[in-house]
Protein backbone atom coordinates (compact mmCIF):
# COMPACT_ATOMS: atom_id res chain seq x y z
CA UNK A 1 76.35 79.61 120.72
CA UNK A 2 78.03 76.82 122.64
CA UNK A 3 76.99 76.57 126.27
CA UNK A 4 79.30 75.51 129.06
CA UNK A 5 78.77 72.20 130.81
CA UNK A 6 78.26 72.18 134.57
CA UNK A 7 81.81 70.86 135.00
CA UNK A 8 83.22 73.70 132.90
CA UNK A 9 81.26 76.28 134.89
CA UNK A 10 82.57 74.79 138.14
CA UNK A 11 86.17 75.08 136.88
CA UNK A 12 85.67 78.64 135.60
CA UNK A 13 84.04 79.75 138.85
CA UNK A 14 86.91 78.20 140.83
CA UNK A 15 89.40 80.14 138.70
CA UNK A 16 87.37 83.33 139.20
CA UNK A 17 87.42 82.80 142.96
CA UNK A 18 91.22 82.51 142.83
CA UNK A 19 91.26 85.72 140.77
CA UNK A 20 89.19 87.73 143.26
CA UNK A 21 85.71 86.83 141.97
CA UNK A 22 86.19 88.90 138.83
CA UNK A 23 85.86 87.95 135.16
CA UNK A 24 89.01 86.24 133.93
CA UNK A 25 91.30 88.34 131.73
CA UNK A 26 91.17 86.94 128.21
CA UNK A 27 92.59 87.79 124.78
CA UNK A 28 91.49 86.76 121.30
CA UNK A 29 94.18 85.32 119.03
CA UNK A 30 93.24 84.76 115.38
CA UNK A 31 95.60 83.29 112.79
CA UNK A 32 95.23 82.71 109.08
CA UNK A 33 97.94 80.49 107.67
CA UNK A 34 99.13 80.94 104.11
CA UNK A 35 98.37 77.23 103.62
CA UNK A 36 94.75 77.64 104.73
CA UNK A 37 92.53 78.08 101.68
CA UNK A 38 89.22 78.16 103.57
CA UNK A 39 86.96 81.19 103.75
CA UNK A 40 87.42 81.42 107.52
CA UNK A 41 88.87 84.94 107.57
CA UNK A 42 90.57 86.67 110.47
CA UNK A 43 87.56 88.95 110.80
CA UNK A 44 85.19 85.97 110.99
CA UNK A 45 87.35 84.26 113.61
CA UNK A 46 87.67 87.48 115.60
CA UNK A 47 83.94 88.25 115.50
CA UNK A 48 83.04 84.71 116.61
CA UNK A 49 85.45 84.90 119.52
CA UNK A 50 84.27 88.36 120.57
CA UNK A 51 80.66 87.23 120.36
CA UNK A 52 81.49 84.24 122.56
CA UNK A 53 83.26 86.45 125.13
CA UNK A 54 80.40 88.98 125.13
CA UNK A 55 77.88 86.17 125.59
CA UNK A 56 79.90 84.88 128.57
CA UNK A 57 80.95 88.27 129.97
CA UNK A 58 80.17 87.16 133.52
CA UNK A 59 83.16 84.80 133.17
CA UNK A 60 85.59 86.60 130.85
CA UNK A 61 86.96 90.11 130.31
CA UNK A 62 88.42 90.74 126.85
CA UNK A 63 91.74 92.56 127.05
CA UNK A 64 92.48 92.71 123.35
CA UNK A 65 92.68 91.09 119.95
CA UNK A 66 95.81 89.77 118.27
CA UNK A 67 95.86 88.75 114.60
CA UNK A 68 98.46 86.92 112.51
CA UNK A 69 97.76 86.71 108.80
CA UNK A 70 99.71 84.55 106.37
CA UNK A 71 101.97 83.19 109.10
CA UNK A 72 102.88 79.60 109.75
CA UNK A 73 102.44 78.03 113.15
CA UNK A 74 105.19 75.52 112.30
CA UNK A 75 108.11 77.85 111.51
CA UNK A 76 109.26 81.39 112.21
CA UNK A 77 109.28 82.30 108.52
CA UNK A 78 107.52 85.61 107.84
CA UNK A 79 107.70 86.54 111.53
CA UNK A 80 109.22 89.74 112.88
CA UNK A 81 110.90 88.00 115.80
């Protein structure tokens, strides 16, 4: 698990102070493009992110998970909007 540098902790703690000394609200966004042929599934991405947030729960509060499968980040094709 990646650890924060001292500079990163200083920035996060400054943000927390501005937010009332509470964990920062955070969401997980996972996307699997139709062009991506790797084995990095949405579930794998989501679990890694949730594990990271749980490991750093003193800094972050998870508010939810959003997943986009088989959607391009370059165009609005295959999007509801």
